[in-house]
Amino acid sequence: MKTHSQTATHLVEVNIYFQQAIYALAIVLCLFSIISPPIALLLGVVIVNFFGNPFLTFNHKAITFLLQFSVIGLGFGMNASNAVTAGKEGFLLTIFSILSTLVLGFLLGKWLKIDRKTSHLISSGTAICGGSAIAAVAPVIKSSENQTSIALGVIFILNSIALFVFPFIGHQLDLSQKEFGLWCAIAIHDTSSVVGAANKYGPEALQIATTVKLARALWIIPISLLTAVIFKNKNSKIKIPYFIGLFILAMLLNSYVPQVSFFAPHIVNIAKTGLTVTLFLIGATLNINTLKSVGVKPLLQGVFLWVFIAGMALASILYLG
């Protein structure tokens, strides 16, 4: 006869197997393109809050790998000359938006009395490329796990909202694919949500958004160096996004090596599937505890900065572009 403790242990094991089965089924749906990227993210949020995430410790590594793999794969669907043109058009707006967001973020952090390191992480994530920027800047300022988690929580929450809101606003304002691609590359934090929103809007928007966003991501290096000076951490290591070089290589191969055209479309399709899975994994990190741990003030800072950068970028594109 089983004791009470043995029965409890058995129920826990069954529960874990059930969680794993639900999680695996969701990933299978993503792999076979049964659901779209925005719905994949929403599915991740629903599953983690109702059933839990049995693979939470592996999520971060999986997200990083899949996102980088997907971005490199998307390079096989890009044209180099078009990418250079898009990069030039977004260059000045990129510089202005990054610097102004960092300055405003500093002032907001002071006004809201947010911890200095947490405030800087949120500002950097909003200004450059979300979680990737936070992951690069965190070791430079030697932030605690709690400070980094709060900043990531703010960025992931707003990213999730952007994936649904931006395409809707774009259609309501009748933005062209070119305008929308540039706007979401500047105003949406993470590369995953930028690519997801742009892919939903159209192929030209996807090409412009991906190119401008990755060019923007290179600013991680100078911002990390500046951060080391401001926080007086001279011995900090700067994390360089090497995968962007592979994206450029894939784009050059697709543009100038005719033989690549035989398999390039298949790689692009695999990359888009990888992006859908990535968004599901990101959604599966947003449980109710994450939302509670963020706090009101850091979330307010993130929202204020997001509204500023989105509004400023949209006005520049519509009236100065």
Protein backbone atom coordinates (compact mmCIF):
# COMPACT_ATOMS: atom_id res chain seq x y z
CA MET A 1 0.00 0.00 0.00
CA LYS A 2 1.34 3.44 -0.97
CA THR A 3 2.08 5.96 1.74
CA HIS A 4 0.80 9.55 1.51
CA SER A 5 4.28 10.84 0.56
CA GLN A 6 4.63 8.22 -2.22
CA THR A 7 1.23 9.19 -3.63
CA ALA A 8 2.18 12.88 -3.57
CA THR A 9 5.47 12.13 -5.35
CA HIS A 10 3.61 10.12 -8.01
CA LEU A 11 1.18 13.02 -8.60
CA VAL A 12 4.09 15.45 -9.00
CA GLU A 13 5.71 13.11 -11.55
CA VAL A 14 2.44 12.79 -13.49
CA ASN A 15 2.06 16.56 -13.38
CA ILE A 16 5.56 17.04 -14.82
CA TYR A 17 4.89 14.54 -17.61
CA PHE A 18 1.62 16.33 -18.40
CA GLN A 19 3.43 19.71 -18.51
CA GLN A 20 6.07 18.28 -20.83
CA ALA A 21 3.40 16.80 -23.12
CA ILE A 22 1.52 20.11 -23.37
CA TYR A 23 4.76 21.99 -23.99
CA ALA A 24 5.90 19.53 -26.67
CA LEU A 25 2.52 19.69 -28.43
CA ALA A 26 2.73 23.49 -28.60
CA ILE A 27 6.21 23.34 -30.13
CA VAL A 28 4.99 20.81 -32.71
CA LEU A 29 2.21 23.24 -33.69
CA CYS A 30 4.86 25.96 -34.13
CA LEU A 31 7.10 23.67 -36.22
CA PHE A 32 4.33 22.86 -38.68
CA SER A 33 3.29 26.51 -39.08
CA ILE A 34 -0.20 25.77 -37.79
CA ILE A 35 -0.07 28.97 -35.74
CA SER A 36 1.32 32.42 -36.56
CA PRO A 37 4.22 34.06 -34.65
CA PRO A 38 1.98 36.42 -32.59
CA ILE A 39 -0.32 33.53 -31.63
CA ALA A 40 2.73 31.43 -30.74
CA LEU A 41 3.82 34.07 -28.25
CA LEU A 42 0.31 34.27 -26.79
CA LEU A 43 0.18 30.47 -26.58
CA GLY A 44 3.42 30.49 -24.60
CA VAL A 45 1.95 33.00 -22.12
CA VAL A 46 -1.22 30.92 -21.68
CA ILE A 47 0.66 27.63 -21.20
CA VAL A 48 3.16 28.95 -18.66
CA ASN A 49 0.39 30.52 -16.54
CA PHE A 50 -2.04 27.57 -16.65
CA PHE A 51 0.28 24.57 -16.86
CA GLY A 52 3.75 25.87 -15.95
CA ASN A 53 7.03 25.56 -17.86
CA PRO A 54 8.90 22.28 -17.21
CA PHE A 55 11.94 23.51 -19.18
CA LEU A 56 12.31 27.00 -17.72
CA THR A 57 16.04 26.58 -17.00
CA PHE A 58 16.74 25.83 -20.68
CA ASN A 59 14.52 28.56 -22.10
CA HIS A 60 17.04 31.40 -22.16
CA LYS A 61 19.71 29.40 -23.99
CA ALA A 62 17.15 28.04 -26.45
CA ILE A 63 15.78 31.54 -27.14
CA THR A 64 19.26 32.95 -27.78
CA PHE A 65 20.29 30.09 -30.09
CA LEU A 66 17.04 29.95 -32.07
CA LEU A 67 16.85 33.71 -32.52
CA GLN A 68 20.40 33.93 -33.84
CA PHE A 69 19.87 30.91 -36.10
CA SER A 70 16.62 32.40 -37.45
CA VAL A 71 18.17 35.80 -38.12
CA ILE A 72 21.08 34.22 -40.02
CA GLY A 73 18.60 32.13 -42.03
CA LEU A 74 16.57 35.20 -42.94
CA GLY A 75 19.73 36.61 -44.51
CA PHE A 76 19.25 34.10 -47.35
CA GLY A 77 16.09 35.99 -48.29
CA MET A 78 17.70 39.45 -48.35
CA ASN A 79 19.22 41.49 -51.18
CA ALA A 80 22.47 43.28 -50.31
CA SER A 81 21.87 46.45 -52.36
CA ASN A 82 18.36 46.89 -50.93
CA ALA A 83 19.73 46.31 -47.44
CA VAL A 84 22.40 49.02 -47.87
CA THR A 85 19.74 51.47 -49.04
CA ALA A 86 17.52 50.66 -46.07
CA GLY A 87 20.47 50.95 -43.68
CA LYS A 88 21.38 54.41 -44.99
CA GLU A 89 17.81 55.65 -44.64
CA GLY A 90 17.57 54.54 -41.02
CA PHE A 91 21.09 55.61 -39.95
CA LEU A 92 20.48 59.18 -38.71
CA LEU A 93 17.16 58.24 -37.11
CA THR A 94 18.89 55.34 -35.36
CA ILE A 95 21.61 57.56 -33.86
CA PHE A 96 19.16 60.21 -32.68
CA SER A 97 16.69 57.71 -31.23
CA ILE A 98 19.36 55.77 -29.32
CA LEU A 99 20.99 58.84 -27.73
CA SER A 100 17.71 60.60 -26.90
CA THR A 101 16.23 57.42 -25.38
CA LEU A 102 19.27 56.90 -23.16
CA VAL A 103 19.19 60.53 -21.94
CA LEU A 104 15.42 60.44 -21.32
CA GLY A 105 15.77 57.07 -19.60
CA PHE A 106 18.36 58.51 -17.22
CA LEU A 107 16.10 61.45 -16.37
CA LEU A 108 13.05 59.22 -15.89
CA GLY A 109 15.01 56.90 -13.64
CA LYS A 110 16.00 59.85 -11.47
CA TRP A 111 12.44 61.20 -11.38
CA LEU A 112 10.85 57.85 -10.55
CA LYS A 113 13.67 57.04 -8.09
CA ILE A 114 14.49 53.73 -9.74
CA ASP A 115 17.70 51.89 -8.94
CA ARG A 116 20.42 53.32 -11.21
CA LYS A 117 21.50 50.00 -12.73
CA THR A 118 17.94 48.79 -13.33
CA SER A 119 17.08 52.11 -14.97
CA HIS A 120 20.13 51.95 -17.26
CA LEU A 121 19.33 48.38 -18.31
CA ILE A 122 15.75 49.33 -19.22
CA SER A 123 16.99 52.38 -21.14
CA SER A 124 19.60 50.34 -23.03
CA GLY A 125 17.10 47.62 -23.87
CA THR A 126 14.61 50.18 -25.19
CA ALA A 127 17.24 52.17 -27.10
CA ILE A 128 19.00 49.32 -28.92
CA CYS A 129 17.68 45.77 -29.12
CA GLY A 130 15.86 44.63 -26.02
CA GLY A 131 17.06 41.51 -24.25
CA SER A 132 20.27 41.30 -26.28
CA ALA A 133 21.31 44.79 -25.17
CA ILE A 134 20.45 44.02 -21.55
CA ALA A 135 22.45 40.78 -21.70
CA ALA A 136 25.43 42.74 -23.07
CA VAL A 137 25.24 45.68 -20.66
CA ALA A 138 24.43 43.70 -17.46
CA PRO A 139 27.95 42.28 -16.96
CA VAL A 140 29.49 45.66 -17.78
CA ILE A 141 27.66 47.38 -14.91
CA LYS A 142 27.81 44.21 -12.76
CA SER A 143 24.07 44.24 -12.11
CA SER A 144 22.48 41.75 -9.75
CA GLU A 145 20.27 38.92 -10.98
CA ASN A 146 17.22 40.76 -9.62
CA GLN A 147 18.10 44.01 -11.44
CA THR A 148 18.63 42.15 -14.71
CA SER A 149 15.42 40.13 -14.29
CA ILE A 150 13.33 43.25 -13.71
CA ALA A 151 14.74 44.93 -16.83
CA LEU A 152 14.18 41.81 -18.94
CA GLY A 153 10.65 41.48 -17.56
CA VAL A 154 9.79 45.04 -18.61
CA ILE A 155 11.20 44.55 -22.11
CA PHE A 156 9.54 41.15 -22.68
CA ILE A 157 6.13 42.44 -21.53
CA LEU A 158 6.25 45.43 -23.89
CA ASN A 159 7.63 43.26 -26.71
CA SER A 160 4.63 40.97 -26.41
CA ILE A 161 2.24 43.89 -26.67
CA ALA A 162 4.14 45.36 -29.65
CA LEU A 163 3.79 42.19 -31.69
CA PHE A 164 0.01 42.69 -31.76
CA VAL A 165 -0.30 46.50 -31.56
CA PHE A 166 2.20 47.64 -34.21
CA PRO A 167 0.73 45.83 -37.26
CA PHE A 168 -2.72 47.09 -36.23
CA ILE A 169 -1.52 50.71 -35.97
CA GLY A 170 0.40 50.35 -39.23
CA HIS A 171 -2.74 49.29 -41.09
CA GLN A 172 -4.86 51.99 -39.43
CA LEU A 173 -2.37 54.68 -40.53
CA ASP A 174 -2.02 53.05 -43.95
CA LEU A 175 1.75 52.86 -43.62
CA SER A 176 3.66 51.48 -46.60
CA GLN A 177 5.76 48.36 -46.06
CA LYS A 178 8.88 50.53 -46.21
CA GLU A 179 7.55 52.93 -43.57
CA PHE A 180 6.35 50.14 -41.29
CA GLY A 181 9.61 48.18 -41.59
CA LEU A 182 11.65 51.22 -40.57
CA TRP A 183 9.24 52.15 -37.78
CA CYS A 184 9.09 48.76 -36.08
CA ALA A 185 12.90 48.30 -36.38
CA ILE A 186 13.39 51.49 -34.36
CA ALA A 187 10.44 51.35 -31.98
CA ILE A 188 10.12 47.64 -31.04
CA HIS A 189 12.71 46.38 -28.57
CA ASP A 190 13.68 42.78 -29.39
CA THR A 191 14.74 41.50 -32.82
CA SER A 192 12.31 38.58 -32.45
CA SER A 193 9.25 40.84 -32.14
CA VAL A 194 10.56 43.20 -34.85
CA VAL A 195 10.87 40.34 -37.32
CA GLY A 196 7.55 38.82 -36.22
CA ALA A 197 5.63 42.08 -36.66
CA ALA A 198 7.33 42.94 -39.96
CA ASN A 199 6.81 39.44 -41.36
CA LYS A 200 3.11 39.79 -40.62
CA TYR A 201 3.05 43.14 -42.46
CA GLY A 202 4.77 42.01 -45.66
CA PRO A 203 8.02 40.83 -47.33
CA GLU A 204 9.42 44.32 -48.01
CA ALA A 205 8.71 45.36 -44.43
CA LEU A 206 10.52 42.22 -43.23
CA GLN A 207 13.66 42.97 -45.26
CA ILE A 208 13.86 46.61 -44.17
CA ALA A 209 13.05 45.87 -40.52
CA THR A 210 15.60 43.05 -40.20
CA THR A 211 18.39 45.03 -41.83
CA VAL A 212 17.83 48.23 -39.86
CA LYS A 213 17.37 46.34 -36.57
CA LEU A 214 20.61 44.39 -36.95
CA ALA A 215 22.50 47.54 -37.91
CA ARG A 216 21.02 49.06 -34.76
CA ALA A 217 22.16 46.05 -32.72
CA LEU A 218 25.79 46.86 -33.56
CA TRP A 219 25.41 49.88 -31.29
CA ILE A 220 25.66 47.42 -28.40
CA ILE A 221 29.44 47.77 -28.70
CA PRO A 222 29.81 51.59 -28.35
CA ILE A 223 27.01 51.76 -25.76
CA SER A 224 28.70 49.03 -23.71
CA LEU A 225 32.00 50.94 -23.88
CA LEU A 226 30.26 54.17 -22.84
CA THR A 227 28.53 52.32 -20.01
CA ALA A 228 31.87 51.00 -18.75
CA VAL A 229 33.15 54.58 -18.56
CA ILE A 230 30.02 55.95 -16.85
CA PHE A 231 29.93 53.14 -14.27
CA LYS A 232 33.74 53.15 -13.99
CA ASN A 233 34.16 49.44 -14.72
CA LYS A 234 37.31 49.42 -16.85
CA ASN A 235 37.85 45.66 -16.72
CA SER A 236 34.41 44.69 -18.00
CA LYS A 237 34.18 42.46 -21.07
CA ILE A 238 32.13 43.74 -24.00
CA LYS A 239 29.81 41.20 -25.59
CA ILE A 240 29.96 41.49 -29.39
CA PRO A 241 26.98 40.18 -31.45
CA TYR A 242 29.03 38.01 -33.86
CA PHE A 243 25.97 36.38 -35.42
CA ILE A 244 25.27 39.63 -37.30
CA GLY A 245 28.40 38.90 -39.37
CA LEU A 246 26.92 35.54 -40.39
CA PHE A 247 23.66 37.29 -41.32
CA ILE A 248 25.62 39.64 -43.62
CA LEU A 249 27.49 36.67 -45.12
CA ALA A 250 24.19 34.87 -45.84
CA MET A 251 22.82 38.02 -47.47
CA LEU A 252 25.92 38.42 -49.68
CA LEU A 253 25.75 34.76 -50.75
CA ASN A 254 22.09 35.15 -51.65
CA SER A 255 22.81 38.33 -53.63
CA TYR A 256 25.93 37.35 -55.55
CA VAL A 257 26.11 33.54 -55.72
CA PRO A 258 23.40 32.27 -58.15
CA GLN A 259 23.65 28.65 -56.96
CA VAL A 260 22.35 29.69 -53.53
CA SER A 261 18.91 30.39 -55.05
CA PHE A 262 18.25 26.62 -55.22
CA PHE A 263 18.13 26.18 -51.45
CA ALA A 264 17.79 29.74 -50.08
CA PRO A 265 13.93 29.74 -49.97
CA HIS A 266 13.97 26.53 -47.91
CA ILE A 267 16.41 28.05 -45.40
CA VAL A 268 14.23 31.15 -45.12
CA ASN A 269 11.16 29.00 -44.40
CA ILE A 270 13.07 27.08 -41.71
CA ALA A 271 14.25 30.40 -40.23
CA LYS A 272 10.67 31.70 -40.04
CA THR A 273 9.63 28.51 -38.29
CA GLY A 274 12.52 28.98 -35.87
CA LEU A 275 11.29 32.50 -35.18
CA THR A 276 7.79 31.21 -34.39
CA VAL A 277 9.24 28.72 -31.88
CA THR A 278 11.41 31.51 -30.41
CA LEU A 279 8.36 33.68 -29.79
CA PHE A 280 6.57 30.76 -28.13
CA LEU A 281 9.58 30.26 -25.82
CA ILE A 282 9.62 33.98 -24.98
CA GLY A 283 5.92 33.84 -24.16
CA ALA A 284 6.58 30.82 -21.94
CA THR A 285 8.80 32.98 -19.70
CA LEU A 286 6.05 35.52 -18.94
CA ASN A 287 4.34 33.95 -15.96
CA ILE A 288 2.43 35.87 -13.32
CA ASN A 289 5.49 35.92 -11.03
CA THR A 290 7.48 37.72 -13.72
CA LEU A 291 4.78 40.37 -13.99
CA LYS A 292 4.67 40.81 -10.20
CA SER A 293 8.46 41.03 -9.86
CA VAL A 294 8.76 43.90 -12.35
CA GLY A 295 7.09 46.52 -10.17
CA VAL A 296 5.15 49.64 -11.17
CA LYS A 297 7.97 52.20 -11.47
CA PRO A 298 10.29 50.20 -13.79
CA LEU A 299 7.27 49.33 -15.95
CA LEU A 300 6.30 53.03 -16.08
CA GLN A 301 9.80 53.94 -17.18
CA GLY A 302 9.67 51.29 -19.90
CA VAL A 303 6.25 52.45 -21.12
CA PHE A 304 7.25 56.15 -21.16
CA LEU A 305 10.43 55.39 -23.11
CA TRP A 306 8.57 53.11 -25.50
CA VAL A 307 5.87 55.70 -26.23
CA PHE A 308 8.56 58.34 -26.75
CA ILE A 309 10.67 56.31 -29.18
CA ALA A 310 7.63 54.98 -31.06
CA GLY A 311 6.03 58.40 -31.39
CA MET A 312 9.25 60.17 -32.32
CA ALA A 313 10.17 57.55 -34.92
CA LEU A 314 6.70 57.52 -36.46
CA ALA A 315 6.57 61.33 -36.69
CA SER A 316 10.04 61.41 -38.30
CA ILE A 317 9.09 58.76 -40.86
CA LEU A 318 5.77 60.38 -41.78
CA TYR A 319 6.79 64.04 -41.82
CA LEU A 320 10.55 64.10 -42.34
CA GLY A 321 11.14 60.91 -44.36
